[in-house]
Amino acid sequence: MATLTLKNIPDDLYERLRERAALHRRSINGEMIHCLEQALQPRRLTPEDRLQRIRSLRPAIDPQAVTHEDLVAAIDEGRP
């Protein structure tokens, strides 16, 4: 195992880490290791999982929010 020392952690970030550690009943060091593991572990989703995630988000999307004209303008933006 390796040892890592963090310096110059902003006060608000340290406070949030401390609060998360208390919430999860971990030491600050344990919470930091957990956060790093979550951030750095590859997340492999099966196509079925990805499709389920898309389907769960679909009801929150307003179908009128983006028009066909908006899409065409976005595609054409930046073209000579």
PDB file of N, CA and C in Angstrom:
ATOM      1  N   MET A   1       0.842  -1.187   0.000  1.00  0.00           N
ATOM      2  CA  MET A   1       0.000   0.000   0.000  1.00  0.00           C
ATOM      3  C   MET A   1       0.876   1.236   0.000  1.00  0.00           C
ATOM      4  N   ALA A   2       0.361   2.268  -0.580  1.00  0.00           N
ATOM      5  CA  ALA A   2       1.079   3.531  -0.667  1.00  0.00           C
ATOM      6  C   ALA A   2       0.461   4.543   0.281  1.00  0.00           C
ATOM      7  N   THR A   3       1.220   5.573   0.551  1.00  0.00           N
ATOM      8  CA  THR A   3       0.743   6.682   1.389  1.00  0.00           C
ATOM      9  C   THR A   3       0.649   7.916   0.509  1.00  0.00           C
ATOM     10  N   LEU A   4      -0.434   8.656   0.649  1.00  0.00           N
ATOM     11  CA  LEU A   4      -0.670   9.862  -0.127  1.00  0.00           C
ATOM     12  C   LEU A   4      -0.968  11.000   0.832  1.00  0.00           C
ATOM     13  N   THR A   5      -0.317  12.124   0.634  1.00  0.00           N
ATOM     14  CA  THR A   5      -0.571  13.309   1.451  1.00  0.00           C
ATOM     15  C   THR A   5      -1.179  14.373   0.563  1.00  0.00           C
ATOM     16  N   LEU A   6      -2.288  14.931   0.975  1.00  0.00           N
ATOM     17  CA  LEU A   6      -2.932  16.016   0.229  1.00  0.00           C
ATOM     18  C   LEU A   6      -2.653  17.331   0.940  1.00  0.00           C
ATOM     19  N   LYS A   7      -2.301  18.338   0.166  1.00  0.00           N
ATOM     20  CA  LYS A   7      -2.016  19.655   0.726  1.00  0.00           C
ATOM     21  C   LYS A   7      -2.926  20.689   0.085  1.00  0.00           C
ATOM     22  N   ASN A   8      -3.134  21.762   0.802  1.00  0.00           N
ATOM     23  CA  ASN A   8      -3.884  22.919   0.289  1.00  0.00           C
ATOM     24  C   ASN A   8      -5.304  22.570  -0.147  1.00  0.00           C
ATOM     25  N   ILE A   9      -5.959  21.722   0.611  1.00  0.00           N
ATOM     26  CA  ILE A   9      -7.355  21.375   0.330  1.00  0.00           C
ATOM     27  C   ILE A   9      -8.215  22.575   0.731  1.00  0.00           C
ATOM     28  N   PRO A  10      -9.036  23.089  -0.168  1.00  0.00           N
ATOM     29  CA  PRO A  10      -9.910  24.210   0.200  1.00  0.00           C
ATOM     30  C   PRO A  10     -10.799  23.831   1.379  1.00  0.00           C
ATOM     31  N   ASP A  11     -11.030  24.790   2.253  1.00  0.00           N
ATOM     32  CA  ASP A  11     -11.802  24.539   3.468  1.00  0.00           C
ATOM     33  C   ASP A  11     -13.179  23.958   3.179  1.00  0.00           C
ATOM     34  N   ASP A  12     -13.868  24.497   2.164  1.00  0.00           N
ATOM     35  CA  ASP A  12     -15.217  24.006   1.872  1.00  0.00           C
ATOM     36  C   ASP A  12     -15.186  22.563   1.361  1.00  0.00           C
ATOM     37  N   LEU A  13     -14.171  22.206   0.590  1.00  0.00           N
ATOM     38  CA  LEU A  13     -14.044  20.836   0.108  1.00  0.00           C
ATOM     39  C   LEU A  13     -13.752  19.883   1.266  1.00  0.00           C
ATOM     40  N   TYR A  14     -12.885  20.285   2.157  1.00  0.00           N
ATOM     41  CA  TYR A  14     -12.565  19.464   3.321  1.00  0.00           C
ATOM     42  C   TYR A  14     -13.812  19.267   4.189  1.00  0.00           C
ATOM     43  N   GLU A  15     -14.589  20.318   4.352  1.00  0.00           N
ATOM     44  CA  GLU A  15     -15.804  20.228   5.174  1.00  0.00           C
ATOM     45  C   GLU A  15     -16.800  19.255   4.550  1.00  0.00           C
ATOM     46  N   ARG A  16     -16.961  19.307   3.233  1.00  0.00           N
ATOM     47  CA  ARG A  16     -17.872  18.374   2.567  1.00  0.00           C
ATOM     48  C   ARG A  16     -17.382  16.942   2.710  1.00  0.00           C
ATOM     49  N   LEU A  17     -16.074  16.750   2.602  1.00  0.00           N
ATOM     50  CA  LEU A  17     -15.504  15.417   2.781  1.00  0.00           C
ATOM     51  C   LEU A  17     -15.737  14.918   4.207  1.00  0.00           C
ATOM     52  N   ARG A  18     -15.546  15.794   5.170  1.00  0.00           N
ATOM     53  CA  ARG A  18     -15.754  15.440   6.570  1.00  0.00           C
ATOM     54  C   ARG A  18     -17.212  15.060   6.814  1.00  0.00           C
ATOM     55  N   GLU A  19     -18.145  15.827   6.241  1.00  0.00           N
ATOM     56  CA  GLU A  19     -19.567  15.534   6.404  1.00  0.00           C
ATOM     57  C   GLU A  19     -19.938  14.196   5.754  1.00  0.00           C
ATOM     58  N   ARG A  20     -19.399  13.931   4.562  1.00  0.00           N
ATOM     59  CA  ARG A  20     -19.673  12.639   3.898  1.00  0.00           C
ATOM     60  C   ARG A  20     -19.125  11.481   4.704  1.00  0.00           C
ATOM     61  N   ALA A  21     -17.927  11.671   5.260  1.00  0.00           N
ATOM     62  CA  ALA A  21     -17.313  10.619   6.073  1.00  0.00           C
ATOM     63  C   ALA A  21     -18.202  10.309   7.271  1.00  0.00           C
ATOM     64  N   ALA A  22     -18.702  11.340   7.931  1.00  0.00           N
ATOM     65  CA  ALA A  22     -19.565  11.127   9.093  1.00  0.00           C
ATOM     66  C   ALA A  22     -20.866  10.435   8.669  1.00  0.00           C
ATOM     67  N   LEU A  23     -21.426  10.871   7.550  1.00  0.00           N
ATOM     68  CA  LEU A  23     -22.670  10.286   7.049  1.00  0.00           C
ATOM     69  C   LEU A  23     -22.509   8.789   6.773  1.00  0.00           C
ATOM     70  N   HIS A  24     -21.366   8.407   6.238  1.00  0.00           N
ATOM     71  CA  HIS A  24     -21.121   7.009   5.879  1.00  0.00           C
ATOM     72  C   HIS A  24     -20.378   6.241   6.973  1.00  0.00           C
ATOM     73  N   ARG A  25     -20.208   6.894   8.111  1.00  0.00           N
ATOM     74  CA  ARG A  25     -19.526   6.275   9.260  1.00  0.00           C
ATOM     75  C   ARG A  25     -18.135   5.776   8.888  1.00  0.00           C
ATOM     76  N   ARG A  26     -17.397   6.651   8.200  1.00  0.00           N
ATOM     77  CA  ARG A  26     -16.030   6.352   7.804  1.00  0.00           C
ATOM     78  C   ARG A  26     -15.113   7.431   8.356  1.00  0.00           C
ATOM     79  N   SER A  27     -13.843   7.108   8.434  1.00  0.00           N
ATOM     80  CA  SER A  27     -12.849   8.138   8.727  1.00  0.00           C
ATOM     81  C   SER A  27     -12.724   9.016   7.481  1.00  0.00           C
ATOM     82  N   ILE A  28     -12.116  10.159   7.636  1.00  0.00           N
ATOM     83  CA  ILE A  28     -11.903  11.023   6.476  1.00  0.00           C
ATOM     84  C   ILE A  28     -11.019  10.292   5.463  1.00  0.00           C
ATOM     85  N   ASN A  29     -10.000   9.603   5.940  1.00  0.00           N
ATOM     86  CA  ASN A  29      -9.139   8.834   5.052  1.00  0.00           C
ATOM     87  C   ASN A  29      -9.943   7.758   4.309  1.00  0.00           C
ATOM     88  N   GLY A  30     -10.792   7.039   5.022  1.00  0.00           N
ATOM     89  CA  GLY A  30     -11.616   6.008   4.403  1.00  0.00           C
ATOM     90  C   GLY A  30     -12.561   6.575   3.367  1.00  0.00           C
ATOM     91  N   GLU A  31     -13.135   7.734   3.660  1.00  0.00           N
ATOM     92  CA  GLU A  31     -14.042   8.374   2.703  1.00  0.00           C
ATOM     93  C   GLU A  31     -13.283   8.823   1.464  1.00  0.00           C
ATOM     94  N   MET A  32     -12.079   9.341   1.652  1.00  0.00           N
ATOM     95  CA  MET A  32     -11.268   9.779   0.518  1.00  0.00           C
ATOM     96  C   MET A  32     -10.917   8.595  -0.378  1.00  0.00           C
ATOM     97  N   ILE A  33     -10.552   7.474   0.225  1.00  0.00           N
ATOM     98  CA  ILE A  33     -10.254   6.269  -0.559  1.00  0.00           C
ATOM     99  C   ILE A  33     -11.500   5.831  -1.327  1.00  0.00           C
ATOM    100  N   HIS A  34     -12.660   5.857  -0.664  1.00  0.00           N
ATOM    101  CA  HIS A  34     -13.908   5.476  -1.329  1.00  0.00           C
ATOM    102  C   HIS A  34     -14.188   6.412  -2.516  1.00  0.00           C
ATOM    103  N   CYS A  35     -14.028   7.705  -2.315  1.00  0.00           N
ATOM    104  CA  CYS A  35     -14.261   8.675  -3.400  1.00  0.00           C
ATOM    105  C   CYS A  35     -13.318   8.424  -4.570  1.00  0.00           C
ATOM    106  N   LEU A  36     -12.056   8.169  -4.279  1.00  0.00           N
ATOM    107  CA  LEU A  36     -11.096   7.892  -5.346  1.00  0.00           C
ATOM    108  C   LEU A  36     -11.455   6.609  -6.084  1.00  0.00           C
ATOM    109  N   GLU A  37     -11.850   5.575  -5.350  1.00  0.00           N
ATOM    110  CA  GLU A  37     -12.241   4.322  -5.996  1.00  0.00           C
ATOM    111  C   GLU A  37     -13.424   4.544  -6.925  1.00  0.00           C
ATOM    112  N   GLN A  38     -14.414   5.290  -6.458  1.00  0.00           N
ATOM    113  CA  GLN A  38     -15.600   5.545  -7.277  1.00  0.00           C
ATOM    114  C   GLN A  38     -15.259   6.353  -8.520  1.00  0.00           C
ATOM    115  N   ALA A  39     -14.369   7.321  -8.368  1.00  0.00           N
ATOM    116  CA  ALA A  39     -14.014   8.190  -9.490  1.00  0.00           C
ATOM    117  C   ALA A  39     -13.121   7.496 -10.510  1.00  0.00           C
ATOM    118  N   LEU A  40     -12.295   6.575 -10.057  1.00  0.00           N
ATOM    119  CA  LEU A  40     -11.282   6.007 -10.942  1.00  0.00           C
ATOM    120  C   LEU A  40     -11.589   4.610 -11.458  1.00  0.00           C
ATOM    121  N   GLN A  41     -12.581   3.936 -10.902  1.00  0.00           N
ATOM    122  CA  GLN A  41     -12.927   2.607 -11.398  1.00  0.00           C
ATOM    123  C   GLN A  41     -13.677   2.741 -12.721  1.00  0.00           C
ATOM    124  N   PRO A  42     -13.287   1.932 -13.705  1.00  0.00           N
ATOM    125  CA  PRO A  42     -14.021   1.986 -14.965  1.00  0.00           C
ATOM    126  C   PRO A  42     -15.457   1.509 -14.754  1.00  0.00           C
ATOM    127  N   ARG A  43     -16.358   2.178 -15.415  1.00  0.00           N
ATOM    128  CA  ARG A  43     -17.769   1.796 -15.314  1.00  0.00           C
ATOM    129  C   ARG A  43     -18.194   1.194 -16.634  1.00  0.00           C
ATOM    130  N   ARG A  44     -18.419  -0.068 -16.619  1.00  0.00           N
ATOM    131  CA  ARG A  44     -18.858  -0.770 -17.820  1.00  0.00           C
ATOM    132  C   ARG A  44     -20.353  -1.015 -17.714  1.00  0.00           C
ATOM    133  N   LEU A  45     -21.075  -0.428 -18.635  1.00  0.00           N
ATOM    134  CA  LEU A  45     -22.514  -0.641 -18.671  1.00  0.00           C
ATOM    135  C   LEU A  45     -22.840  -1.578 -19.827  1.00  0.00           C
ATOM    136  N   THR A  46     -23.732  -2.481 -19.564  1.00  0.00           N
ATOM    137  CA  THR A  46     -24.201  -3.329 -20.647  1.00  0.00           C
ATOM    138  C   THR A  46     -25.117  -2.479 -21.525  1.00  0.00           C
ATOM    139  N   PRO A  47     -25.307  -2.876 -22.760  1.00  0.00           N
ATOM    140  CA  PRO A  47     -26.248  -2.128 -23.601  1.00  0.00           C
ATOM    141  C   PRO A  47     -27.641  -2.034 -22.971  1.00  0.00           C
ATOM    142  N   GLU A  48     -28.054  -3.097 -22.279  1.00  0.00           N
ATOM    143  CA  GLU A  48     -29.366  -3.078 -21.633  1.00  0.00           C
ATOM    144  C   GLU A  48     -29.417  -2.037 -20.508  1.00  0.00           C
ATOM    145  N   ASP A  49     -28.327  -1.964 -19.717  1.00  0.00           N
ATOM    146  CA  ASP A  49     -28.268  -0.967 -18.645  1.00  0.00           C
ATOM    147  C   ASP A  49     -28.300   0.446 -19.212  1.00  0.00           C
ATOM    148  N   ARG A  50     -27.551   0.664 -20.281  1.00  0.00           N
ATOM    149  CA  ARG A  50     -27.508   1.992 -20.909  1.00  0.00           C
ATOM    150  C   ARG A  50     -28.894   2.366 -21.447  1.00  0.00           C
ATOM    151  N   LEU A  51     -29.558   1.413 -22.105  1.00  0.00           N
ATOM    152  CA  LEU A  51     -30.893   1.665 -22.646  1.00  0.00           C
ATOM    153  C   LEU A  51     -31.880   1.963 -21.522  1.00  0.00           C
ATOM    154  N   GLN A  52     -31.792   1.232 -20.419  1.00  0.00           N
ATOM    155  CA  GLN A  52     -32.678   1.481 -19.280  1.00  0.00           C
ATOM    156  C   GLN A  52     -32.461   2.888 -18.729  1.00  0.00           C
ATOM    157  N   ARG A  53     -31.201   3.312 -18.657  1.00  0.00           N
ATOM    158  CA  ARG A  53     -30.879   4.662 -18.171  1.00  0.00           C
ATOM    159  C   ARG A  53     -31.478   5.717 -19.096  1.00  0.00           C
ATOM    160  N   ILE A  54     -31.364   5.514 -20.393  1.00  0.00           N
ATOM    161  CA  ILE A  54     -31.938   6.442 -21.365  1.00  0.00           C
ATOM    162  C   ILE A  54     -33.456   6.499 -21.208  1.00  0.00           C
ATOM    163  N   ARG A  55     -34.075   5.338 -21.077  1.00  0.00           N
ATOM    164  CA  ARG A  55     -35.533   5.296 -20.924  1.00  0.00           C
ATOM    165  C   ARG A  55     -35.988   5.973 -19.635  1.00  0.00           C
ATOM    166  N   SER A  56     -35.182   5.874 -18.575  1.00  0.00           N
ATOM    167  CA  SER A  56     -35.563   6.517 -17.314  1.00  0.00           C
ATOM    168  C   SER A  56     -35.449   8.032 -17.405  1.00  0.00           C
ATOM    169  N   LEU A  57     -34.581   8.532 -18.279  1.00  0.00           N
ATOM    170  CA  LEU A  57     -34.409   9.977 -18.432  1.00  0.00           C
ATOM    171  C   LEU A  57     -35.434  10.590 -19.386  1.00  0.00           C
ATOM    172  N   ARG A  58     -35.928   9.789 -20.303  1.00  0.00           N
ATOM    173  CA  ARG A  58     -36.814  10.290 -21.351  1.00  0.00           C
ATOM    174  C   ARG A  58     -38.031  11.078 -20.826  1.00  0.00           C
ATOM    175  N   PRO A  59     -38.733  10.622 -19.775  1.00  0.00           N
ATOM    176  CA  PRO A  59     -39.913  11.381 -19.330  1.00  0.00           C
ATOM    177  C   PRO A  59     -39.598  12.802 -18.851  1.00  0.00           C
ATOM    178  N   ALA A  60     -38.371  13.047 -18.450  1.00  0.00           N
ATOM    179  CA  ALA A  60     -38.011  14.374 -17.950  1.00  0.00           C
ATOM    180  C   ALA A  60     -37.674  15.358 -19.070  1.00  0.00           C
ATOM    181  N   ILE A  61     -37.617  14.868 -20.302  1.00  0.00           N
ATOM    182  CA  ILE A  61     -37.240  15.725 -21.431  1.00  0.00           C
ATOM    183  C   ILE A  61     -38.491  16.271 -22.097  1.00  0.00           C
ATOM    184  N   ASP A  62     -38.525  17.581 -22.239  1.00  0.00           N
ATOM    185  CA  ASP A  62     -39.646  18.245 -22.901  1.00  0.00           C
ATOM    186  C   ASP A  62     -39.459  18.096 -24.414  1.00  0.00           C
ATOM    187  N   PRO A  63     -40.359  17.387 -25.100  1.00  0.00           N
ATOM    188  CA  PRO A  63     -40.178  17.175 -26.537  1.00  0.00           C
ATOM    189  C   PRO A  63     -40.266  18.469 -27.353  1.00  0.00           C
ATOM    190  N   GLN A  64     -40.827  19.516 -26.770  1.00  0.00           N
ATOM    191  CA  GLN A  64     -40.942  20.783 -27.465  1.00  0.00           C
ATOM    192  C   GLN A  64     -39.737  21.700 -27.218  1.00  0.00           C
ATOM    193  N   ALA A  65     -38.814  21.254 -26.383  1.00  0.00           N
ATOM    194  CA  ALA A  65     -37.682  22.102 -26.007  1.00  0.00           C
ATOM    195  C   ALA A  65     -36.747  22.379 -27.180  1.00  0.00           C
ATOM    196  N   VAL A  66     -36.578  21.407 -28.055  1.00  0.00           N
ATOM    197  CA  VAL A  66     -35.696  21.572 -29.209  1.00  0.00           C
ATOM    198  C   VAL A  66     -36.484  21.235 -30.461  1.00  0.00           C
ATOM    199  N   THR A  67     -36.499  22.170 -31.381  1.00  0.00           N
ATOM    200  CA  THR A  67     -37.236  21.962 -32.633  1.00  0.00           C
ATOM    201  C   THR A  67     -36.294  21.421 -33.703  1.00  0.00           C
ATOM    202  N   HIS A  68     -36.897  20.974 -34.783  1.00  0.00           N
ATOM    203  CA  HIS A  68     -36.101  20.516 -35.929  1.00  0.00           C
ATOM    204  C   HIS A  68     -35.208  21.643 -36.438  1.00  0.00           C
ATOM    205  N   GLU A  69     -35.740  22.852 -36.448  1.00  0.00           N
ATOM    206  CA  GLU A  69     -34.967  24.012 -36.912  1.00  0.00           C
ATOM    207  C   GLU A  69     -33.769  24.259 -35.995  1.00  0.00           C
ATOM    208  N   ASP A  70     -33.952  24.065 -34.687  1.00  0.00           N
ATOM    209  CA  ASP A  70     -32.843  24.213 -33.741  1.00  0.00           C
ATOM    210  C   ASP A  70     -31.732  23.214 -34.064  1.00  0.00           C
ATOM    211  N   LEU A  71     -32.134  21.982 -34.364  1.00  0.00           N
ATOM    212  CA  LEU A  71     -31.151  20.946 -34.681  1.00  0.00           C
ATOM    213  C   LEU A  71     -30.405  21.271 -35.975  1.00  0.00           C
ATOM    214  N   VAL A  72     -31.127  21.707 -36.998  1.00  0.00           N
ATOM    215  CA  VAL A  72     -30.488  22.058 -38.252  1.00  0.00           C
ATOM    216  C   VAL A  72     -29.527  23.214 -38.054  1.00  0.00           C
ATOM    217  N   ALA A  73     -29.929  24.227 -37.293  1.00  0.00           N
ATOM    218  CA  ALA A  73     -29.057  25.368 -37.019  1.00  0.00           C
ATOM    219  C   ALA A  73     -27.801  24.942 -36.264  1.00  0.00           C
ATOM    220  N   ALA A  74     -27.953  24.036 -35.304  1.00  0.00           N
ATOM    221  CA  ALA A  74     -26.804  23.558 -34.534  1.00  0.00           C
ATOM    222  C   ALA A  74     -25.849  22.772 -35.434  1.00  0.00           C
ATOM    223  N   ILE A  75     -26.399  21.963 -36.344  1.00  0.00           N
ATOM    224  CA  ILE A  75     -25.561  21.196 -37.259  1.00  0.00           C
ATOM    225  C   ILE A  75     -24.824  22.123 -38.213  1.00  0.00           C
ATOM    226  N   ASP A  76     -25.528  23.141 -38.689  1.00  0.00           N
ATOM    227  CA  ASP A  76     -24.936  24.067 -39.661  1.00  0.00           C
ATOM    228  C   ASP A  76     -23.982  25.079 -39.027  1.00  0.00           C
ATOM    229  N   GLU A  77     -24.066  25.250 -37.724  1.00  0.00           N
ATOM    230  CA  GLU A  77     -23.239  26.245 -37.049  1.00  0.00           C
ATOM    231  C   GLU A  77     -21.758  25.926 -37.245  1.00  0.00           C
ATOM    232  N   GLY A  78     -21.034  26.907 -37.700  1.00  0.00           N
ATOM    233  CA  GLY A  78     -19.604  26.725 -37.882  1.00  0.00           C
ATOM    234  C   GLY A  78     -19.208  26.162 -39.226  1.00  0.00           C
ATOM    235  N   ARG A  79     -20.183  25.806 -40.023  1.00  0.00           N
ATOM    236  CA  ARG A  79     -19.848  25.309 -41.363  1.00  0.00           C
ATOM    237  C   ARG A  79     -19.603  26.511 -42.283  1.00  0.00           C
ATOM    238  N   PRO A  80     -18.618  26.377 -43.189  1.00  0.00           N
ATOM    239  CA  PRO A  80     -18.347  27.502 -44.129  1.00  0.00           C
ATOM    240  C   PRO A  80     -19.429  27.637 -45.159  1.00  0.00           C
TER     241      PRO A  80
END
